[in-house]
Amino acid sequence: MKLAQLVCLQVICKHLNMTRAAEELRISQPSLTRMVHELEEEFGLTLFLRQSRGLILTEEGAQFRDGAALLLEQAEAFSDRMKRLGRAEQTLDVGIPPTSGLLFLPKVLKVLQDWKPRLRLNIVESGSLSNRQKVLDGGLDAAFTSTREPVSAAFGQYLIAPGEIRYYTAAGSPLAGRISVGLADIVRFPLAMVAEDCFLTSDLLAACGRAGLRPDIMLHTNQLSLLTQLVADGTAGTVLFGGALPPESSCVEVPVRELPPAQVYLIWSRYLPVTGAKERLIRAVEKAWPSSGALPS
């Protein structure tokens, strides 16, 4: 039994005439007759008695008609409800580290802008370390995170791109003309770094600890505009992903020998269901950043 058959049956019951019913439905009369026979055979019922003047609805047919009408009402109500749900703007809480947001999010938003229904993201700015815990706790639906270690099996994951790590300094700094710098060079000058829960800061501190060095971090801030100003005027250097500070800012980026590239992922909890909205976010990230994609130069 199909809904289309039930719709046709209602029209036949209205006219009790195959010719007029076929005309209203704009299908051939033999096709309509065959459909009635299929329903009668499927359920073992006689829905109509055929007479020269037209059709007579049997008692069985009347019960079938009334039940079919109820099913069609329910199907229409269900369809309307699902269409409203599909048109509704759905929101996801997504964790974004300060530099990852700048480098990776705009292309994802461009993809989402062209999709209907629209998916709205509530951006929560926090570091990779905090993001992973918030995703596990259910505080975030998904998050961008950076790491060099394998992602825990507790997470669903999509590898976005590698992130090259750079030291940023003022154009007139003694380190600005170097092909690369080492940690020993960096710690000679004050640093302004992103928050301590960010991968870049924890990675720098760990690398300096292994080398027996102590960096002079004058402040932590996730405001890239403030970091740009501090670097441009020579107050401090910083360590960020390549491309994080605008090239016209008089900030020069130099590779750091002891800090190899990290991998940037989109992660979500394997312990929570992947909703339709979350699935669309994952597909948007895949479209914006194929696995072979690289950071913008």
C-alpha atoms as a PDB file:
ATOM      1  CA  MET A   1       0.000   0.000   0.000  1.00  0.00           C
ATOM      2  CA  LYS A   2       1.281   3.436  -0.961  1.00  0.00           C
ATOM      3  CA  LEU A   3       0.070   6.901  -0.053  1.00  0.00           C
ATOM      4  CA  ALA A   4      -0.494   7.659  -3.738  1.00  0.00           C
ATOM      5  CA  GLN A   5      -2.922   4.734  -3.919  1.00  0.00           C
ATOM      6  CA  LEU A   6      -4.848   6.100  -0.949  1.00  0.00           C
ATOM      7  CA  VAL A   7      -5.101   9.525  -2.581  1.00  0.00           C
ATOM      8  CA  CYS A   8      -6.496   7.936  -5.738  1.00  0.00           C
ATOM      9  CA  LEU A   9      -8.952   5.904  -3.692  1.00  0.00           C
ATOM     10  CA  GLN A  10     -10.376   9.067  -2.085  1.00  0.00           C
ATOM     11  CA  VAL A  11     -11.025  10.566  -5.525  1.00  0.00           C
ATOM     12  CA  ILE A  12     -12.734   7.362  -6.727  1.00  0.00           C
ATOM     13  CA  CYS A  13     -14.944   7.378  -3.610  1.00  0.00           C
ATOM     14  CA  LYS A  14     -15.867  11.001  -4.279  1.00  0.00           C
ATOM     15  CA  HIS A  15     -17.060  10.337  -7.843  1.00  0.00           C
ATOM     16  CA  LEU A  16     -17.946   6.610  -7.701  1.00  0.00           C
ATOM     17  CA  ASN A  17     -17.085   6.717 -11.371  1.00  0.00           C
ATOM     18  CA  MET A  18     -13.775   5.559 -12.812  1.00  0.00           C
ATOM     19  CA  THR A  19     -13.908   7.834 -15.850  1.00  0.00           C
ATOM     20  CA  ARG A  20     -14.458  11.035 -13.847  1.00  0.00           C
ATOM     21  CA  ALA A  21     -11.905   9.978 -11.204  1.00  0.00           C
ATOM     22  CA  ALA A  22      -9.306   9.286 -13.891  1.00  0.00           C
ATOM     23  CA  GLU A  23      -9.968  12.708 -15.441  1.00  0.00           C
ATOM     24  CA  GLU A  24      -9.460  14.511 -12.100  1.00  0.00           C
ATOM     25  CA  LEU A  25      -6.307  12.541 -11.335  1.00  0.00           C
ATOM     26  CA  ARG A  26      -5.040  12.889 -14.908  1.00  0.00           C
ATOM     27  CA  ILE A  27      -4.144   9.233 -15.217  1.00  0.00           C
ATOM     28  CA  SER A  28      -5.552   6.551 -17.492  1.00  0.00           C
ATOM     29  CA  GLN A  29      -8.663   4.671 -16.457  1.00  0.00           C
ATOM     30  CA  PRO A  30      -6.978   1.229 -16.881  1.00  0.00           C
ATOM     31  CA  SER A  31      -4.168   2.344 -14.527  1.00  0.00           C
ATOM     32  CA  LEU A  32      -6.733   3.452 -11.948  1.00  0.00           C
ATOM     33  CA  THR A  33      -8.668   0.191 -12.257  1.00  0.00           C
ATOM     34  CA  ARG A  34      -5.460  -1.797 -11.851  1.00  0.00           C
ATOM     35  CA  MET A  35      -4.595   0.158  -8.704  1.00  0.00           C
ATOM     36  CA  VAL A  36      -7.958  -0.718  -7.109  1.00  0.00           C
ATOM     37  CA  HIS A  37      -7.438  -4.399  -7.963  1.00  0.00           C
ATOM     38  CA  GLU A  38      -3.985  -4.287  -6.354  1.00  0.00           C
ATOM     39  CA  LEU A  39      -5.413  -2.898  -3.109  1.00  0.00           C
ATOM     40  CA  GLU A  40      -8.213  -5.462  -3.075  1.00  0.00           C
ATOM     41  CA  GLU A  41      -5.753  -8.308  -3.641  1.00  0.00           C
ATOM     42  CA  GLU A  42      -3.287  -7.012  -1.039  1.00  0.00           C
ATOM     43  CA  PHE A  43      -5.890  -6.907   1.732  1.00  0.00           C
ATOM     44  CA  GLY A  44      -8.352  -9.537   0.517  1.00  0.00           C
ATOM     45  CA  LEU A  45     -11.215  -7.035   0.371  1.00  0.00           C
ATOM     46  CA  THR A  46     -13.893  -6.014  -2.098  1.00  0.00           C
ATOM     47  CA  LEU A  47     -13.871  -2.232  -2.108  1.00  0.00           C
ATOM     48  CA  PHE A  48     -16.400  -1.545  -4.858  1.00  0.00           C
ATOM     49  CA  LEU A  49     -19.255  -3.275  -6.629  1.00  0.00           C
ATOM     50  CA  ARG A  50     -19.294  -2.527 -10.357  1.00  0.00           C
ATOM     51  CA  GLN A  51     -22.619  -1.617 -11.966  1.00  0.00           C
ATOM     52  CA  SER A  52     -23.490  -0.162 -15.359  1.00  0.00           C
ATOM     53  CA  ARG A  53     -24.256   3.227 -13.798  1.00  0.00           C
ATOM     54  CA  GLY A  54     -20.981   3.367 -11.851  1.00  0.00           C
ATOM     55  CA  LEU A  55     -19.546   2.027  -8.622  1.00  0.00           C
ATOM     56  CA  ILE A  56     -21.077   1.166  -5.250  1.00  0.00           C
ATOM     57  CA  LEU A  57     -18.850   1.427  -2.208  1.00  0.00           C
ATOM     58  CA  THR A  58     -19.026  -1.711  -0.066  1.00  0.00           C
ATOM     59  CA  GLU A  59     -19.030  -1.708   3.740  1.00  0.00           C
ATOM     60  CA  GLU A  60     -15.443  -2.914   3.616  1.00  0.00           C
ATOM     61  CA  GLY A  61     -14.691  -0.136   1.144  1.00  0.00           C
ATOM     62  CA  ALA A  62     -16.237   2.490   3.422  1.00  0.00           C
ATOM     63  CA  GLN A  63     -14.056   1.395   6.337  1.00  0.00           C
ATOM     64  CA  PHE A  64     -11.000   1.384   4.066  1.00  0.00           C
ATOM     65  CA  ARG A  65     -11.889   4.891   2.803  1.00  0.00           C
ATOM     66  CA  ASP A  66     -12.263   6.295   6.327  1.00  0.00           C
ATOM     67  CA  GLY A  67      -9.034   4.692   7.529  1.00  0.00           C
ATOM     68  CA  ALA A  68      -7.192   5.923   4.450  1.00  0.00           C
ATOM     69  CA  ALA A  69      -8.482   9.458   5.034  1.00  0.00           C
ATOM     70  CA  LEU A  70      -7.097   9.377   8.585  1.00  0.00           C
ATOM     71  CA  LEU A  71      -3.720   8.108   7.366  1.00  0.00           C
ATOM     72  CA  LEU A  72      -3.536  10.831   4.734  1.00  0.00           C
ATOM     73  CA  GLU A  73      -4.305  13.519   7.329  1.00  0.00           C
ATOM     74  CA  GLN A  74      -1.571  12.172   9.587  1.00  0.00           C
ATOM     75  CA  ALA A  75       0.880  11.975   6.682  1.00  0.00           C
ATOM     76  CA  GLU A  76       0.164  15.568   5.692  1.00  0.00           C
ATOM     77  CA  ALA A  77       0.595  16.771   9.278  1.00  0.00           C
ATOM     78  CA  PHE A  78       3.870  14.842   9.557  1.00  0.00           C
ATOM     79  CA  SER A  79       5.111  16.293   6.266  1.00  0.00           C
ATOM     80  CA  ASP A  80       4.275  19.836   7.369  1.00  0.00           C
ATOM     81  CA  ARG A  81       6.030  19.297  10.697  1.00  0.00           C
ATOM     82  CA  MET A  82       9.177  17.969   9.043  1.00  0.00           C
ATOM     83  CA  LYS A  83       9.212  20.842   6.531  1.00  0.00           C
ATOM     84  CA  ARG A  84       9.010  23.357   9.385  1.00  0.00           C
ATOM     85  CA  LEU A  85      11.821  21.542  11.132  1.00  0.00           C
ATOM     86  CA  GLY A  86      13.907  21.562   7.973  1.00  0.00           C
ATOM     87  CA  ARG A  87      13.333  25.298   7.473  1.00  0.00           C
ATOM     88  CA  ALA A  88      14.165  26.098  11.077  1.00  0.00           C
ATOM     89  CA  GLU A  89      17.543  27.661  11.715  1.00  0.00           C
ATOM     90  CA  GLN A  90      19.577  25.222  13.774  1.00  0.00           C
ATOM     91  CA  THR A  91      22.395  26.283  16.065  1.00  0.00           C
ATOM     92  CA  LEU A  92      25.592  24.472  17.023  1.00  0.00           C
ATOM     93  CA  ASP A  93      28.048  25.477  19.741  1.00  0.00           C
ATOM     94  CA  VAL A  94      31.494  25.246  18.149  1.00  0.00           C
ATOM     95  CA  GLY A  95      34.797  25.808  19.929  1.00  0.00           C
ATOM     96  CA  ILE A  96      37.376  27.816  17.982  1.00  0.00           C
ATOM     97  CA  PRO A  97      40.962  28.563  19.073  1.00  0.00           C
ATOM     98  CA  PRO A  98      41.877  32.167  18.211  1.00  0.00           C
ATOM     99  CA  THR A  99      44.219  31.436  15.308  1.00  0.00           C
ATOM    100  CA  SER A 100      42.278  28.452  13.947  1.00  0.00           C
ATOM    101  CA  GLY A 101      39.161  30.583  13.784  1.00  0.00           C
ATOM    102  CA  LEU A 102      40.868  33.180  11.644  1.00  0.00           C
ATOM    103  CA  LEU A 103      42.544  30.686   9.307  1.00  0.00           C
ATOM    104  CA  PHE A 104      39.914  27.989   8.828  1.00  0.00           C
ATOM    105  CA  LEU A 105      36.454  29.241   9.751  1.00  0.00           C
ATOM    106  CA  PRO A 106      35.796  31.783   6.951  1.00  0.00           C
ATOM    107  CA  LYS A 107      35.870  29.124   4.203  1.00  0.00           C
ATOM    108  CA  VAL A 108      33.501  26.924   6.228  1.00  0.00           C
ATOM    109  CA  LEU A 109      31.089  29.814   6.736  1.00  0.00           C
ATOM    110  CA  LYS A 110      31.175  30.527   3.006  1.00  0.00           C
ATOM    111  CA  VAL A 111      30.046  26.951   2.310  1.00  0.00           C
ATOM    112  CA  LEU A 112      27.297  27.118   4.945  1.00  0.00           C
ATOM    113  CA  GLN A 113      26.043  30.431   3.570  1.00  0.00           C
ATOM    114  CA  ASP A 114      25.043  28.745   0.325  1.00  0.00           C
ATOM    115  CA  TRP A 115      23.216  25.864   2.007  1.00  0.00           C
ATOM    116  CA  LYS A 116      19.554  25.714   2.943  1.00  0.00           C
ATOM    117  CA  PRO A 117      18.400  25.369   5.626  1.00  0.00           C
ATOM    118  CA  ARG A 118      20.875  27.759   7.128  1.00  0.00           C
ATOM    119  CA  LEU A 119      23.038  26.433   9.944  1.00  0.00           C
ATOM    120  CA  ARG A 120      23.963  29.012  12.576  1.00  0.00           C
ATOM    121  CA  LEU A 121      27.135  28.588  14.601  1.00  0.00           C
ATOM    122  CA  ASN A 122      27.515  29.893  18.127  1.00  0.00           C
ATOM    123  CA  ILE A 123      31.276  30.435  18.270  1.00  0.00           C
ATOM    124  CA  VAL A 124      32.930  29.781  21.630  1.00  0.00           C
ATOM    125  CA  GLU A 125      36.518  31.040  21.580  1.00  0.00           C
ATOM    126  CA  SER A 126      38.768  28.848  23.682  1.00  0.00           C
ATOM    127  CA  GLY A 127      42.002  26.942  23.281  1.00  0.00           C
ATOM    128  CA  SER A 128      42.460  23.439  21.917  1.00  0.00           C
ATOM    129  CA  LEU A 129      42.976  21.923  25.376  1.00  0.00           C
ATOM    130  CA  SER A 130      39.735  23.398  26.718  1.00  0.00           C
ATOM    131  CA  ASN A 131      37.872  22.561  23.532  1.00  0.00           C
ATOM    132  CA  ARG A 132      38.614  18.849  23.803  1.00  0.00           C
ATOM    133  CA  GLN A 133      37.315  18.675  27.359  1.00  0.00           C
ATOM    134  CA  LYS A 134      34.201  20.718  26.554  1.00  0.00           C
ATOM    135  CA  VAL A 135      33.348  18.422  23.634  1.00  0.00           C
ATOM    136  CA  LEU A 136      33.638  15.376  25.897  1.00  0.00           C
ATOM    137  CA  ASP A 137      31.521  17.052  28.599  1.00  0.00           C
ATOM    138  CA  GLY A 138      28.819  17.983  26.074  1.00  0.00           C
ATOM    139  CA  GLY A 139      29.446  21.711  26.472  1.00  0.00           C
ATOM    140  CA  LEU A 140      30.358  21.994  22.777  1.00  0.00           C
ATOM    141  CA  ASP A 141      28.821  20.219  19.800  1.00  0.00           C
ATOM    142  CA  ALA A 142      32.128  20.280  17.928  1.00  0.00           C
ATOM    143  CA  ALA A 143      35.450  22.082  18.013  1.00  0.00           C
ATOM    144  CA  PHE A 144      38.578  22.900  16.085  1.00  0.00           C
ATOM    145  CA  THR A 145      41.696  21.609  17.806  1.00  0.00           C
ATOM    146  CA  SER A 146      45.426  21.441  17.085  1.00  0.00           C
ATOM    147  CA  THR A 147      47.747  18.616  18.060  1.00  0.00           C
ATOM    148  CA  ARG A 148      50.724  16.526  16.998  1.00  0.00           C
ATOM    149  CA  GLU A 149      49.468  13.471  18.847  1.00  0.00           C
ATOM    150  CA  PRO A 150      46.853  10.996  17.540  1.00  0.00           C
ATOM    151  CA  VAL A 151      43.340  12.156  18.340  1.00  0.00           C
ATOM    152  CA  SER A 152      41.689  10.147  21.113  1.00  0.00           C
ATOM    153  CA  ALA A 153      39.246   7.426  20.080  1.00  0.00           C
ATOM    154  CA  ALA A 154      36.657   9.261  22.179  1.00  0.00           C
ATOM    155  CA  PHE A 155      36.321  11.769  19.354  1.00  0.00           C
ATOM    156  CA  GLY A 156      35.001  11.659  15.868  1.00  0.00           C
ATOM    157  CA  GLN A 157      37.547  13.550  13.802  1.00  0.00           C
ATOM    158  CA  TYR A 158      38.234  15.170  10.470  1.00  0.00           C
ATOM    159  CA  LEU A 159      41.769  16.231   9.568  1.00  0.00           C
ATOM    160  CA  ILE A 160      41.586  19.728   8.119  1.00  0.00           C
ATOM    161  CA  ALA A 161      45.163  20.755   7.331  1.00  0.00           C
ATOM    162  CA  PRO A 162      48.667  21.036   8.741  1.00  0.00           C
ATOM    163  CA  GLY A 163      49.519  24.190  10.652  1.00  0.00           C
ATOM    164  CA  GLU A 164      53.020  25.607  10.201  1.00  0.00           C
ATOM    165  CA  ILE A 165      54.222  27.346  13.370  1.00  0.00           C
ATOM    166  CA  ARG A 166      55.914  30.737  13.046  1.00  0.00           C
ATOM    167  CA  TYR A 167      57.632  33.274  15.250  1.00  0.00           C
ATOM    168  CA  TYR A 168      56.323  36.807  14.622  1.00  0.00           C
ATOM    169  CA  THR A 169      58.504  39.828  15.207  1.00  0.00           C
ATOM    170  CA  ALA A 170      58.651  43.481  14.134  1.00  0.00           C
ATOM    171  CA  ALA A 171      60.082  44.255  10.710  1.00  0.00           C
ATOM    172  CA  GLY A 172      63.038  46.032  12.329  1.00  0.00           C
ATOM    173  CA  SER A 173      63.840  43.248  14.811  1.00  0.00           C
ATOM    174  CA  PRO A 174      67.264  41.534  14.731  1.00  0.00           C
ATOM    175  CA  LEU A 175      65.431  38.238  14.026  1.00  0.00           C
ATOM    176  CA  ALA A 176      63.301  39.552  11.148  1.00  0.00           C
ATOM    177  CA  GLY A 177      65.830  38.735   8.450  1.00  0.00           C
ATOM    178  CA  ARG A 178      66.541  35.169   9.552  1.00  0.00           C
ATOM    179  CA  ILE A 179      65.629  32.147   7.412  1.00  0.00           C
ATOM    180  CA  SER A 180      64.602  30.424  10.655  1.00  0.00           C
ATOM    181  CA  VAL A 181      65.002  30.937  14.395  1.00  0.00           C
ATOM    182  CA  GLY A 182      65.549  28.625  17.342  1.00  0.00           C
ATOM    183  CA  LEU A 183      63.985  28.644  20.777  1.00  0.00           C
ATOM    184  CA  ALA A 184      67.188  30.125  22.202  1.00  0.00           C
ATOM    185  CA  ASP A 185      66.699  33.115  19.873  1.00  0.00           C
ATOM    186  CA  ILE A 186      63.057  33.576  20.809  1.00  0.00           C
ATOM    187  CA  VAL A 187      63.538  33.604  24.584  1.00  0.00           C
ATOM    188  CA  ARG A 188      65.969  36.535  24.324  1.00  0.00           C
ATOM    189  CA  PHE A 189      62.987  38.832  23.732  1.00  0.00           C
ATOM    190  CA  PRO A 190      59.629  39.330  25.530  1.00  0.00           C
ATOM    191  CA  LEU A 191      56.700  37.291  24.228  1.00  0.00           C
ATOM    192  CA  ALA A 192      52.967  37.932  24.079  1.00  0.00           C
ATOM    193  CA  MET A 193      51.121  34.628  23.727  1.00  0.00           C
ATOM    194  CA  VAL A 194      47.606  33.313  23.293  1.00  0.00           C
ATOM    195  CA  ALA A 195      45.904  31.853  26.380  1.00  0.00           C
ATOM    196  CA  GLU A 196      47.507  29.020  28.326  1.00  0.00           C
ATOM    197  CA  ASP A 197      44.790  26.550  27.264  1.00  0.00           C
ATOM    198  CA  CYS A 198      45.843  27.001  23.620  1.00  0.00           C
ATOM    199  CA  PHE A 199      47.998  24.400  21.890  1.00  0.00           C
ATOM    200  CA  LEU A 200      50.508  26.992  20.674  1.00  0.00           C
ATOM    201  CA  THR A 201      51.307  28.230  24.174  1.00  0.00           C
ATOM    202  CA  SER A 202      51.423  24.799  25.809  1.00  0.00           C
ATOM    203  CA  ASP A 203      53.567  23.497  22.928  1.00  0.00           C
ATOM    204  CA  LEU A 204      56.042  26.386  23.240  1.00  0.00           C
ATOM    205  CA  LEU A 205      56.319  25.975  27.008  1.00  0.00           C
ATOM    206  CA  ALA A 206      56.846  22.217  26.682  1.00  0.00           C
ATOM    207  CA  ALA A 207      59.558  22.672  24.024  1.00  0.00           C
ATOM    208  CA  CYS A 208      61.323  25.330  26.117  1.00  0.00           C
ATOM    209  CA  GLY A 209      61.136  23.077  29.169  1.00  0.00           C
ATOM    210  CA  ARG A 210      62.805  20.231  27.285  1.00  0.00           C
ATOM    211  CA  ALA A 211      65.553  22.614  26.163  1.00  0.00           C
ATOM    212  CA  GLY A 212      66.043  24.059  29.649  1.00  0.00           C
ATOM    213  CA  LEU A 213      64.868  27.509  28.517  1.00  0.00           C
ATOM    214  CA  ARG A 214      62.488  29.917  30.220  1.00  0.00           C
ATOM    215  CA  PRO A 215      60.510  32.212  27.899  1.00  0.00           C
ATOM    216  CA  ASP A 216      59.696  35.739  29.042  1.00  0.00           C
ATOM    217  CA  ILE A 217      55.909  35.816  28.510  1.00  0.00           C
ATOM    218  CA  MET A 218      54.707  39.300  29.385  1.00  0.00           C
ATOM    219  CA  LEU A 219      50.967  38.584  28.829  1.00  0.00           C
ATOM    220  CA  HIS A 220      48.406  36.104  27.485  1.00  0.00           C
ATOM    221  CA  THR A 221      45.627  37.291  25.215  1.00  0.00           C
ATOM    222  CA  ASN A 222      43.410  35.811  22.505  1.00  0.00           C
ATOM    223  CA  GLN A 223      42.903  39.204  20.891  1.00  0.00           C
ATOM    224  CA  LEU A 224      44.863  38.983  17.656  1.00  0.00           C
ATOM    225  CA  SER A 225      44.541  42.732  17.123  1.00  0.00           C
ATOM    226  CA  LEU A 226      46.416  43.340  20.384  1.00  0.00           C
ATOM    227  CA  LEU A 227      49.068  40.761  19.502  1.00  0.00           C
ATOM    228  CA  THR A 228      49.492  42.418  16.113  1.00  0.00           C
ATOM    229  CA  GLN A 229      50.013  45.817  17.718  1.00  0.00           C
ATOM    230  CA  LEU A 230      52.490  44.524  20.286  1.00  0.00           C
ATOM    231  CA  VAL A 231      54.536  42.748  17.621  1.00  0.00           C
ATOM    232  CA  ALA A 232      54.410  45.566  15.070  1.00  0.00           C
ATOM    233  CA  ASP A 233      55.679  48.198  17.482  1.00  0.00           C
ATOM    234  CA  GLY A 234      58.457  45.950  18.793  1.00  0.00           C
ATOM    235  CA  THR A 235      57.052  45.474  22.289  1.00  0.00           C
ATOM    236  CA  ALA A 236      57.004  41.679  22.050  1.00  0.00           C
ATOM    237  CA  GLY A 237      57.213  38.749  19.691  1.00  0.00           C
ATOM    238  CA  THR A 238      54.661  35.929  19.496  1.00  0.00           C
ATOM    239  CA  VAL A 239      54.333  32.347  18.241  1.00  0.00           C
ATOM    240  CA  LEU A 240      51.299  31.576  16.070  1.00  0.00           C
ATOM    241  CA  PHE A 241      50.290  29.571  13.028  1.00  0.00           C
ATOM    242  CA  GLY A 242      51.582  30.959   9.749  1.00  0.00           C
ATOM    243  CA  GLY A 243      49.229  33.484   8.199  1.00  0.00           C
ATOM    244  CA  ALA A 244      47.615  34.414  11.516  1.00  0.00           C
ATOM    245  CA  LEU A 245      48.774  38.058  11.455  1.00  0.00           C
ATOM    246  CA  PRO A 246      48.091  40.230   8.419  1.00  0.00           C
ATOM    247  CA  PRO A 247      51.139  40.832   6.185  1.00  0.00           C
ATOM    248  CA  GLU A 248      50.449  44.564   5.989  1.00  0.00           C
ATOM    249  CA  SER A 249      50.871  44.882   9.769  1.00  0.00           C
ATOM    250  CA  SER A 250      54.689  45.249   9.640  1.00  0.00           C
ATOM    251  CA  CYS A 251      54.947  41.879  11.393  1.00  0.00           C
ATOM    252  CA  VAL A 252      57.435  39.380   9.973  1.00  0.00           C
ATOM    253  CA  GLU A 253      56.944  35.628  10.374  1.00  0.00           C
ATOM    254  CA  VAL A 254      59.920  33.276  10.672  1.00  0.00           C
ATOM    255  CA  PRO A 255      59.901  29.432  10.955  1.00  0.00           C
ATOM    256  CA  VAL A 256      60.850  27.985  14.356  1.00  0.00           C
ATOM    257  CA  ARG A 257      63.237  25.040  14.004  1.00  0.00           C
ATOM    258  CA  GLU A 258      62.204  23.169  17.156  1.00  0.00           C
ATOM    259  CA  LEU A 259      58.454  23.544  16.553  1.00  0.00           C
ATOM    260  CA  PRO A 260      57.368  21.225  13.691  1.00  0.00           C
ATOM    261  CA  PRO A 261      53.933  21.537  12.054  1.00  0.00           C
ATOM    262  CA  ALA A 262      50.823  20.535  13.990  1.00  0.00           C
ATOM    263  CA  GLN A 263      47.623  19.053  12.598  1.00  0.00           C
ATOM    264  CA  VAL A 264      44.319  20.909  12.834  1.00  0.00           C
ATOM    265  CA  TYR A 265      41.177  18.793  13.263  1.00  0.00           C
ATOM    266  CA  LEU A 266      37.450  19.184  13.612  1.00  0.00           C
ATOM    267  CA  ILE A 267      36.387  16.928  16.485  1.00  0.00           C
ATOM    268  CA  TRP A 268      33.064  15.828  18.017  1.00  0.00           C
ATOM    269  CA  SER A 269      32.123  13.315  20.709  1.00  0.00           C
ATOM    270  CA  ARG A 270      31.626   9.681  19.726  1.00  0.00           C
ATOM    271  CA  TYR A 271      29.436   9.257  22.804  1.00  0.00           C
ATOM    272  CA  LEU A 272      26.780  11.707  21.604  1.00  0.00           C
ATOM    273  CA  PRO A 273      24.514  11.321  18.556  1.00  0.00           C
ATOM    274  CA  VAL A 274      25.526  13.030  15.326  1.00  0.00           C
ATOM    275  CA  THR A 275      22.494  15.243  14.685  1.00  0.00           C
ATOM    276  CA  GLY A 276      21.503  16.496  11.276  1.00  0.00           C
ATOM    277  CA  ALA A 277      22.968  19.909  12.095  1.00  0.00           C
ATOM    278  CA  LYS A 278      26.274  18.410  13.210  1.00  0.00           C
ATOM    279  CA  GLU A 279      26.395  16.252  10.095  1.00  0.00           C
ATOM    280  CA  ARG A 280      25.978  19.374   7.937  1.00  0.00           C
ATOM    281  CA  LEU A 281      28.843  21.085   9.772  1.00  0.00           C
ATOM    282  CA  ILE A 282      31.111  18.080   9.150  1.00  0.00           C
ATOM    283  CA  ARG A 283      30.162  18.039   5.459  1.00  0.00           C
ATOM    284  CA  ALA A 284      30.800  21.790   5.213  1.00  0.00           C
ATOM    285  CA  VAL A 285      34.276  21.425   6.717  1.00  0.00           C
ATOM    286  CA  GLU A 286      35.045  18.563   4.323  1.00  0.00           C
ATOM    287  CA  LYS A 287      33.934  20.692   1.369  1.00  0.00           C
ATOM    288  CA  ALA A 288      35.850  23.768   2.515  1.00  0.00           C
ATOM    289  CA  TRP A 289      39.002  21.910   3.543  1.00  0.00           C
ATOM    290  CA  PRO A 290      39.672  18.628   1.750  1.00  0.00           C
ATOM    291  CA  SER A 291      42.130  16.466   3.676  1.00  0.00           C
ATOM    292  CA  SER A 292      44.920  17.369   1.283  1.00  0.00           C
ATOM    293  CA  GLY A 293      44.296  21.083   1.792  1.00  0.00           C
ATOM    294  CA  ALA A 294      46.964  23.326   3.235  1.00  0.00           C
ATOM    295  CA  LEU A 295      46.953  26.539   5.172  1.00  0.00           C
ATOM    296  CA  PRO A 296      46.483  29.657   3.070  1.00  0.00           C
ATOM    297  CA  SER A 297      49.787  31.308   2.239  1.00  0.00           C
END
